[in-house]
Amino acid sequence: MTSQEMESITNVMEFEAVAREKLPKMVYDYYASGAEDQWTLHENRNAFSRILFRPRILVDVSNIDMTTTILGFKVSMPIMVAPTAMQKMAHPAGELATAKAASAAGTIMTLSSWATSSVEEVASTGPGTRFFQLYVYRDRNVVRQLVRRAEKAGFKAIALTVDTPRLGRREADIKNRPMTRDSLHMLLTKLTGPLNWKDVKWLQSITTLPILVKASLAVQAGAAGIIVSNHGARQLDYVPATIMALEEIGRPVVFALAAYGEAGVRKMLKMLHDELELTMALSGVFHHACPYCSALGCSACFISIVDRLYRHDHQITALRS
């Protein structure tokens, strides 16, 4: 695909169509599919159509400030890059391209435990704030080594995945055996299985990094934050869409990566940034601390919904793992 063809893309969803043409069916299915009937997969997208804007007029929006902080780290917009496994199946540069694009966009990338690039390789791409997504393995020495490597490589937080006591039933992967599902099952046999709060406490004992956990009681248990996620609709089907709580960014990254590599991810993140900025302007919201949203506690626009969650002691963030 040429740069001219990439420039013709005007909607983030268009990256998926290009990725579908370029990727082998097995790989596309792995990235795109969800669990069981894929009801939650579709609901993740359909739920957006039920969120309406209530614009404020006669507000000076000549200067829009989209910056905020996550765990004290400044980001250019309330959008992060969530962990997605095995990105080199999408593009030879894989996670390295995604890391560079996220850094250029001024936002945070979370690297998957099942990445096809190491924490050291990602760190070598240059400056940037990065988190590390972690599965807990039966061999705790493996966990210790992974955490220490992430710390040494300059990663700033651990995103602990706790919703995978078993692999969700992903029918597309079943049909594509043995290349995908059997390989995933092999990895899962090395995991601890069902986790509990003692495992979270143990993880806290081996690292000084803040830990983000996918659970509503996580902060009470001493975690640094909550990850709002349904695992990209890839585990339990018929659960609520994450947008009902908070936005997540996962598949658009890997589809943009598959379509155009690092340049595609950069363009995709810029499109999200520009679209959100335009929405803020047209909604009469000029800053995440907009007095109309903060003082009135209103739902004037989507950014106010997102920001009220971000401003809850910086304890809520959105990651797809």
Protein backbone atom coordinates (compact mmCIF):
# COMPACT_ATOMS: atom_id res chain seq x y z
CA MET A 1 0.00 0.00 0.00
CA THR A 2 1.32 3.44 -0.89
CA SER A 3 1.38 6.49 1.33
CA GLN A 4 -1.16 8.05 -1.02
CA GLU A 5 -3.55 5.18 -0.36
CA MET A 6 -3.05 5.61 3.38
CA GLU A 7 -3.80 9.32 3.12
CA SER A 8 -7.16 8.45 1.58
CA ILE A 9 -8.29 6.86 4.84
CA THR A 10 -10.71 9.19 6.62
CA ASN A 11 -12.20 6.85 9.24
CA VAL A 12 -10.37 4.67 11.75
CA MET A 13 -12.61 1.73 10.89
CA GLU A 14 -11.20 1.71 7.34
CA PHE A 15 -7.90 0.32 8.61
CA GLU A 16 -9.63 -2.98 9.37
CA ALA A 17 -10.72 -3.45 5.75
CA VAL A 18 -7.15 -2.94 4.54
CA ALA A 19 -5.80 -5.27 7.23
CA ARG A 20 -8.30 -7.96 6.26
CA GLU A 21 -7.07 -7.87 2.66
CA LYS A 22 -3.41 -8.07 3.64
CA LEU A 23 -3.43 -10.59 6.48
CA PRO A 24 -3.74 -14.37 6.22
CA LYS A 25 -7.25 -15.43 7.25
CA MET A 26 -5.98 -17.19 10.38
CA VAL A 27 -4.17 -14.07 11.58
CA TYR A 28 -7.05 -11.72 10.81
CA ASP A 29 -9.47 -14.05 12.61
CA TYR A 30 -7.20 -14.16 15.65
CA TYR A 31 -7.12 -10.37 15.93
CA ALA A 32 -10.72 -9.67 14.97
CA SER A 33 -12.81 -12.40 16.55
CA GLY A 34 -14.47 -12.62 19.94
CA ALA A 35 -15.85 -15.35 22.17
CA GLU A 36 -18.88 -17.57 21.52
CA ASP A 37 -21.67 -15.72 19.62
CA GLN A 38 -19.58 -12.52 19.64
CA TRP A 39 -22.50 -10.61 21.17
CA THR A 40 -20.16 -8.63 23.43
CA LEU A 41 -17.78 -8.03 20.53
CA HIS A 42 -20.60 -6.35 18.60
CA GLU A 43 -21.93 -4.63 21.73
CA ASN A 44 -18.52 -3.06 22.35
CA ARG A 45 -19.06 -1.16 19.11
CA ASN A 46 -22.85 -0.76 19.17
CA ALA A 47 -22.76 0.83 22.61
CA PHE A 48 -21.05 3.87 21.08
CA SER A 49 -24.20 4.63 19.08
CA ARG A 50 -26.16 5.03 22.30
CA ILE A 51 -23.87 7.78 23.62
CA LEU A 52 -25.16 11.16 22.50
CA PHE A 53 -23.54 14.57 22.77
CA ARG A 54 -25.17 17.54 24.46
CA PRO A 55 -23.19 20.52 23.11
CA ARG A 56 -22.75 23.83 24.91
CA ILE A 57 -22.75 26.92 22.72
CA LEU A 58 -21.24 30.42 23.12
CA VAL A 59 -18.15 28.93 24.76
CA ASP A 60 -14.66 30.05 23.78
CA VAL A 61 -13.07 26.91 22.30
CA SER A 62 -10.28 28.63 20.41
CA ASN A 63 -7.76 26.75 22.55
CA ILE A 64 -8.46 23.08 23.25
CA ASP A 65 -6.37 21.30 25.88
CA MET A 66 -6.68 17.52 25.73
CA THR A 67 -3.77 16.70 28.01
CA THR A 68 -4.29 14.74 31.21
CA THR A 69 -2.30 12.43 33.49
CA ILE A 70 -2.42 8.70 34.10
CA LEU A 71 -0.74 7.53 37.30
CA GLY A 72 0.98 10.90 37.28
CA PHE A 73 2.34 10.52 33.74
CA LYS A 74 1.29 13.25 31.33
CA VAL A 75 -0.39 12.17 28.10
CA SER A 76 -1.47 14.25 25.13
CA MET A 77 -5.00 12.86 25.13
CA PRO A 78 -7.16 10.52 27.26
CA ILE A 79 -6.40 7.62 24.92
CA MET A 80 -3.82 4.87 25.47
CA VAL A 81 -2.56 1.93 23.43
CA ALA A 82 -3.70 -1.29 25.07
CA PRO A 83 -1.77 -4.57 25.01
CA THR A 84 -2.28 -6.77 21.96
CA ALA A 85 -0.36 -10.04 21.59
CA MET A 86 1.91 -11.15 18.78
CA GLN A 87 1.96 -7.98 16.71
CA LYS A 88 4.65 -9.25 14.35
CA MET A 89 1.97 -11.46 12.84
CA ALA A 90 0.45 -8.17 11.67
CA HIS A 91 3.65 -6.46 10.51
CA PRO A 92 7.39 -7.32 10.63
CA ALA A 93 8.10 -4.31 12.87
CA GLY A 94 5.40 -5.41 15.32
CA GLU A 95 5.47 -3.86 18.76
CA LEU A 96 8.50 -1.74 17.89
CA ALA A 97 6.45 0.22 15.37
CA THR A 98 3.58 0.58 17.82
CA ALA A 99 5.93 1.82 20.54
CA LYS A 100 7.40 4.49 18.26
CA ALA A 101 3.96 5.62 17.12
CA ALA A 102 2.61 5.83 20.66
CA SER A 103 5.63 7.83 21.77
CA ALA A 104 5.24 10.21 18.82
CA ALA A 105 1.58 10.66 19.75
CA GLY A 106 2.51 11.50 23.33
CA THR A 107 0.59 8.65 24.89
CA ILE A 108 1.24 5.40 26.76
CA MET A 109 1.72 1.96 25.23
CA THR A 110 1.13 -1.21 27.23
CA LEU A 111 3.22 -4.15 26.03
CA SER A 112 1.66 -7.61 26.08
CA SER A 113 3.25 -10.51 27.96
CA TRP A 114 2.76 -12.44 24.74
CA ALA A 115 4.44 -9.83 22.58
CA THR A 116 6.74 -10.80 19.74
CA SER A 117 9.23 -8.13 20.87
CA SER A 118 10.94 -8.09 24.25
CA VAL A 119 10.74 -5.29 26.82
CA GLU A 120 14.38 -4.52 26.05
CA GLU A 121 13.72 -4.22 22.33
CA VAL A 122 10.72 -1.94 22.90
CA ALA A 123 12.73 0.22 25.31
CA SER A 124 15.47 0.53 22.71
CA THR A 125 13.09 2.32 20.29
CA GLY A 126 13.54 5.55 22.23
CA PRO A 127 11.83 7.58 24.95
CA GLY A 128 8.22 7.00 25.92
CA THR A 129 6.04 6.04 28.87
CA ARG A 130 5.24 2.33 28.75
CA PHE A 131 3.36 -0.15 30.92
CA PHE A 132 3.81 -3.94 30.95
CA GLN A 133 0.84 -6.33 30.84
CA LEU A 134 1.46 -9.40 32.96
CA TYR A 135 0.03 -12.89 33.24
CA VAL A 136 0.93 -14.77 36.44
CA TYR A 137 2.68 -18.05 35.64
CA ARG A 138 2.78 -21.17 37.79
CA ASP A 139 6.54 -20.77 37.99
CA ARG A 140 6.80 -17.60 40.07
CA ASN A 141 10.47 -17.25 39.18
CA VAL A 142 9.34 -16.56 35.61
CA VAL A 143 7.07 -13.80 36.92
CA ARG A 144 9.89 -12.30 38.98
CA GLN A 145 12.19 -12.28 35.97
CA LEU A 146 9.57 -10.64 33.74
CA VAL A 147 8.86 -7.94 36.32
CA ARG A 148 12.54 -7.24 36.92
CA ARG A 149 13.20 -6.99 33.20
CA ALA A 150 10.30 -4.56 32.82
CA GLU A 151 11.60 -2.47 35.72
CA LYS A 152 15.13 -2.43 34.31
CA ALA A 153 13.83 -1.49 30.86
CA GLY A 154 12.13 1.57 32.33
CA PHE A 155 8.49 0.45 32.20
CA LYS A 156 6.36 2.47 34.60
CA ALA A 157 3.52 0.17 35.69
CA ILE A 158 2.30 -3.42 35.65
CA ALA A 159 -1.11 -4.17 34.11
CA LEU A 160 -2.17 -7.46 35.67
CA THR A 161 -4.59 -9.60 33.66
CA VAL A 162 -6.86 -11.57 36.02
CA ASP A 163 -9.76 -12.66 33.81
CA THR A 164 -8.17 -15.71 32.18
CA PRO A 165 -8.61 -18.73 34.49
CA ARG A 166 -9.41 -20.49 31.21
CA LEU A 167 -9.29 -19.42 27.58
CA GLY A 168 -12.59 -18.10 26.24
CA ARG A 169 -14.24 -20.17 23.50
CA ARG A 170 -13.27 -18.31 20.33
CA GLU A 171 -14.94 -20.18 17.51
CA ALA A 172 -12.84 -18.66 14.73
CA ASP A 173 -9.67 -19.86 16.44
CA ILE A 174 -11.16 -23.32 16.89
CA LYS A 175 -11.80 -23.55 13.16
CA ASN A 176 -8.23 -22.40 12.46
CA ARG A 177 -6.58 -25.12 14.54
CA PRO A 178 -3.87 -26.06 15.19
CA MET A 179 -2.07 -22.80 14.49
CA THR A 180 -3.82 -20.48 16.96
CA ARG A 181 -5.96 -22.03 19.65
CA ASP A 182 -3.65 -24.97 20.37
CA SER A 183 -0.72 -22.57 20.69
CA LEU A 184 -2.70 -20.39 23.10
CA HIS A 185 -3.70 -23.42 25.17
CA MET A 186 -0.04 -24.37 25.41
CA LEU A 187 0.70 -20.93 26.86
CA LEU A 188 -2.26 -21.07 29.23
CA THR A 189 -1.09 -24.36 30.75
CA LYS A 190 1.84 -22.40 32.15
CA LEU A 191 -0.42 -19.87 33.89
CA THR A 192 -1.43 -20.09 37.54
CA GLY A 193 -5.13 -20.43 36.77
CA PRO A 194 -7.74 -18.62 38.88
CA LEU A 195 -6.11 -15.77 40.78
CA ASN A 196 -7.16 -14.22 44.08
CA TRP A 197 -6.25 -11.13 46.09
CA LYS A 198 -3.33 -12.96 47.70
CA ASP A 199 -1.71 -13.15 44.27
CA VAL A 200 -2.10 -9.38 43.88
CA LYS A 201 -0.47 -8.88 47.29
CA TRP A 202 2.37 -11.21 46.31
CA LEU A 203 2.98 -9.25 43.12
CA GLN A 204 3.08 -6.03 45.14
CA SER A 205 5.75 -7.59 47.35
CA ILE A 206 8.18 -8.12 44.46
CA THR A 207 7.93 -4.72 42.74
CA THR A 208 7.69 -1.05 43.51
CA LEU A 209 5.88 -0.38 40.26
CA PRO A 210 2.19 0.56 40.49
CA ILE A 211 -0.12 -2.32 39.63
CA LEU A 212 -3.28 -1.95 37.56
CA VAL A 213 -5.86 -4.70 38.01
CA LYS A 214 -9.00 -5.63 36.08
CA ALA A 215 -11.42 -5.68 39.03
CA SER A 216 -13.75 -3.27 40.79
CA LEU A 217 -12.33 -3.93 44.26
CA ALA A 218 -8.74 -3.58 43.13
CA VAL A 219 -8.04 -0.19 44.73
CA GLN A 220 -9.33 -1.42 48.07
CA ALA A 221 -6.89 -4.30 47.78
CA GLY A 222 -4.01 -1.86 47.35
CA ALA A 223 -3.71 -1.76 43.58
CA ALA A 224 -2.83 1.55 41.95
CA GLY A 225 -5.75 1.50 39.55
CA ILE A 226 -8.59 -0.29 37.83
CA ILE A 227 -8.53 -1.57 34.27
CA VAL A 228 -11.98 -1.44 32.70
CA SER A 229 -12.04 -4.29 30.17
CA ASN A 230 -13.93 -7.32 28.93
CA HIS A 231 -10.75 -8.67 27.32
CA GLY A 232 -11.85 -7.30 23.97
CA ALA A 233 -14.91 -9.57 24.14
CA ARG A 234 -12.56 -12.55 23.82
CA GLN A 235 -13.27 -14.31 27.12
CA LEU A 236 -16.85 -14.34 28.49
CA ASP A 237 -19.58 -13.47 26.01
CA TYR A 238 -22.77 -11.58 27.00
CA VAL A 239 -21.10 -9.13 29.36
CA PRO A 240 -21.52 -5.33 29.16
CA ALA A 241 -19.57 -3.23 26.67
CA THR A 242 -16.59 -1.46 28.20
CA ILE A 243 -17.61 1.92 26.77
CA MET A 244 -20.40 1.95 29.34
CA ALA A 245 -17.57 2.58 31.78
CA LEU A 246 -14.61 3.77 29.73
CA GLU A 247 -13.15 3.72 26.24
CA GLU A 248 -10.52 1.18 25.21
CA ILE A 249 -8.10 1.21 22.28
CA GLY A 250 -6.83 -2.15 21.09
CA ARG A 251 -7.89 -3.54 17.71
CA PRO A 252 -7.57 -0.24 15.77
CA VAL A 253 -3.86 -0.28 16.61
CA VAL A 254 -3.15 -3.73 15.27
CA PHE A 255 -5.31 -3.18 12.16
CA ALA A 256 -3.49 0.09 11.41
CA LEU A 257 -0.19 -1.71 12.03
CA ALA A 258 -1.13 -4.50 9.63
CA ALA A 259 -2.26 -2.02 6.99
CA TYR A 260 0.65 0.46 6.98
CA GLY A 261 3.11 -0.35 9.78
CA GLU A 262 4.32 2.42 12.07
CA ALA A 263 2.98 5.10 9.73
CA GLY A 264 -0.47 3.55 9.96
CA VAL A 265 -0.46 3.53 13.76
CA ARG A 266 0.73 7.14 13.83
CA LYS A 267 -2.07 8.16 11.47
CA MET A 268 -4.68 6.22 13.44
CA LEU A 269 -3.68 7.86 16.75
CA LYS A 270 -3.65 11.30 15.13
CA MET A 271 -7.11 10.67 13.71
CA LEU A 272 -8.42 9.76 17.17
CA HIS A 273 -6.74 12.84 18.63
CA ASP A 274 -8.13 15.16 15.97
CA GLU A 275 -11.63 13.68 16.11
CA LEU A 276 -11.76 14.01 19.90
CA GLU A 277 -10.44 17.57 19.72
CA LEU A 278 -13.11 18.48 17.14
CA THR A 279 -15.80 16.86 19.28
CA MET A 280 -14.66 18.89 22.28
CA ALA A 281 -14.76 22.10 20.25
CA LEU A 282 -18.21 21.41 18.83
CA SER A 283 -19.46 20.41 22.28
CA GLY A 284 -18.20 23.59 23.92
CA VAL A 285 -15.59 21.83 26.06
CA PHE A 286 -12.13 23.38 26.01
CA HIS A 287 -10.35 21.43 28.77
CA HIS A 288 -10.74 18.25 30.79
CA ALA A 289 -11.44 20.52 33.78
CA CYS A 290 -14.13 22.39 31.84
CA PRO A 291 -16.27 24.34 34.35
CA TYR A 292 -19.44 23.34 32.53
CA CYS A 293 -18.71 19.65 33.03
CA SER A 294 -16.94 19.87 36.39
CA ALA A 295 -19.22 22.32 38.15
CA LEU A 296 -22.50 21.03 36.75
CA GLY A 297 -21.50 17.37 36.77
CA CYS A 298 -23.18 17.12 33.40
CA SER A 299 -22.75 14.74 30.50
CA ALA A 300 -22.34 17.54 28.01
CA CYS A 301 -20.06 15.45 25.88
CA PHE A 302 -18.13 12.22 25.75
CA ILE A 303 -14.92 13.83 27.02
CA SER A 304 -16.66 14.79 30.25
CA ILE A 305 -17.65 11.15 30.79
CA VAL A 306 -14.11 9.94 30.17
CA ASP A 307 -12.53 12.67 32.25
CA ARG A 308 -14.72 12.19 35.30
CA LEU A 309 -13.39 8.64 35.39
CA TYR A 310 -9.79 9.75 34.86
CA ARG A 311 -10.06 12.37 37.60
CA HIS A 312 -11.18 9.81 40.18
CA ASP A 313 -7.79 10.00 41.93
CA HIS A 314 -6.22 8.89 38.64
CA GLN A 315 -7.32 5.38 39.61
CA ILE A 316 -9.16 4.35 36.48
CA THR A 317 -7.61 3.80 33.10
CA ALA A 318 -8.61 1.96 29.98
CA LEU A 319 -6.62 -0.96 28.66
CA ARG A 320 -7.46 -3.87 26.44
CA SER A 321 -5.38 -6.92 27.25
